Protein backbone atom coordinates (compact mmCIF):
# COMPACT_ATOMS: atom_id res chain seq x y z
CA UNK A 1 3.22 13.59 4.32
CA UNK A 2 3.17 11.01 1.98
CA UNK A 3 5.39 11.39 -1.14
CA UNK A 4 3.80 11.77 -4.93
CA UNK A 5 1.73 8.44 -5.98
CA UNK A 6 2.76 6.99 -2.63
CA UNK A 7 -0.81 5.46 -1.27
CA UNK A 8 -3.23 7.40 0.86
CA UNK A 9 -3.18 4.96 3.87
CA UNK A 10 -6.97 4.68 5.24
CA UNK A 11 -7.84 4.45 8.55
CA UNK A 12 -9.50 0.52 8.67
CA UNK A 13 -13.39 1.18 9.06
CA UNK A 14 -16.77 0.60 7.75
CA UNK A 15 -16.94 5.16 7.43
CA UNK A 16 -13.82 5.41 5.37
CA UNK A 17 -14.88 2.57 3.44
CA UNK A 18 -17.76 4.57 2.48
CA UNK A 19 -16.24 7.27 2.22
CA UNK A 20 -12.93 6.63 0.42
CA UNK A 21 -13.87 7.63 -3.18
CA UNK A 22 -15.17 10.50 -1.92
CA UNK A 23 -12.28 11.52 -0.16
CA UNK A 24 -9.65 10.25 -3.25
CA UNK A 25 -11.93 11.69 -5.65
CA UNK A 26 -12.49 15.08 -7.57
CA UNK A 27 -15.96 15.17 -5.04
CA UNK A 28 -16.02 17.37 -2.55
CA UNK A 29 -17.30 16.02 1.39
CA UNK A 30 -18.76 17.19 4.70
CA UNK A 31 -17.92 15.42 7.52
CA UNK A 32 -19.98 16.06 10.58
CA UNK A 33 -18.68 13.86 13.61
CA UNK A 34 -20.74 13.47 17.16
CA UNK A 35 -18.93 14.69 19.85
CA UNK A 36 -20.31 14.03 23.65
CA UNK A 37 -19.42 16.16 26.79
CA UNK A 38 -19.59 13.37 28.79
CA UNK A 39 -16.45 12.78 30.69
CA UNK A 40 -16.68 8.59 30.57
CA UNK A 41 -16.95 9.09 26.70
CA UNK A 42 -13.95 10.88 26.14
CA UNK A 43 -11.83 8.14 24.84
CA UNK A 44 -13.93 8.05 21.67
CA UNK A 45 -14.60 11.42 20.93
CA UNK A 46 -10.46 12.55 21.04
CA UNK A 47 -10.73 9.27 18.41
CA UNK A 48 -13.48 10.84 16.71
CA UNK A 49 -11.94 14.64 16.73
CA UNK A 50 -8.43 12.92 15.62
CA UNK A 51 -9.86 10.97 12.91
CA UNK A 52 -11.78 13.62 11.26
CA UNK A 53 -8.27 15.79 11.93
CA UNK A 54 -6.72 13.14 10.10
CA UNK A 55 -9.31 13.22 7.01
CA UNK A 56 -9.00 16.85 6.66
CA UNK A 57 -5.49 17.19 6.39
CA UNK A 58 -5.25 15.05 3.11
CA UNK A 59 -5.13 16.74 0.11
CA UNK A 60 -6.90 14.39 -2.99
CA UNK A 61 -4.96 13.13 -5.62
CA UNK A 62 -4.97 15.32 -8.74
CA UNK A 63 -6.95 12.92 -11.82
CA UNK A 64 -6.68 14.51 -14.78
CA UNK A 65 -9.81 15.22 -16.89
CA UNK A 66 -10.55 12.09 -19.34
CA UNK A 67 -10.70 14.31 -23.23
CA UNK A 68 -13.46 13.49 -24.87
CA UNK A 69 -13.21 13.17 -28.72
CA UNK A 70 -14.28 16.30 -30.90
CA UNK A 71 -17.29 16.65 -31.24
CA UNK A 72 -18.74 17.53 -35.09
CA UNK A 73 -22.89 17.98 -35.50
CA UNK A 74 -22.16 18.22 -39.47
CA UNK A 75 -21.01 14.69 -39.61
CA UNK A 76 -23.00 13.19 -37.29
CA UNK A 77 -26.31 14.86 -39.86
CA UNK A 78 -24.88 13.95 -42.67
CA UNK A 79 -24.68 10.15 -40.60
CA UNK A 80 -27.94 10.78 -39.79
CA UNK A 81 -29.18 11.50 -43.67
CA UNK A 82 -27.53 8.91 -45.10
CA UNK A 83 -28.87 6.08 -42.82
CA UNK A 84 -32.52 8.07 -43.26
CA UNK A 85 -31.91 7.91 -47.15
CA UNK A 86 -30.93 4.18 -47.25
CA UNK A 87 -34.30 3.49 -45.52
CA UNK A 88 -36.06 5.07 -47.90
CA UNK A 89 -34.54 3.36 -50.98
CA UNK A 90 -34.79 -0.02 -49.18
CA UNK A 91 -39.22 0.69 -48.70
CA UNK A 92 -38.88 2.02 -52.11
CA UNK A 93 -37.79 -0.99 -52.81
CA UNK A 94 -39.95 -2.77 -51.10
CA UNK A 95 -43.02 -1.18 -53.20
């Protein structure tokens, strides 16, 4: 298993590169595996199932959710009113 803060090894493939953000972020991912009952496709099926099992075992790192600044609607309304007041004064001086 990996240590905390250690690099999570990804298989070097196009599929993994496409899914990298989904596998290591806070999102939920589903994986579908195409397998074949044919004996000549045994190796490919086995590799696919092994890869899916490794992807299933990965646990995404805990990403702290960013905290936004306090939302103060009153201050926003005061700023809008001051802007409108400045616009009215500017228009009144132009007449």
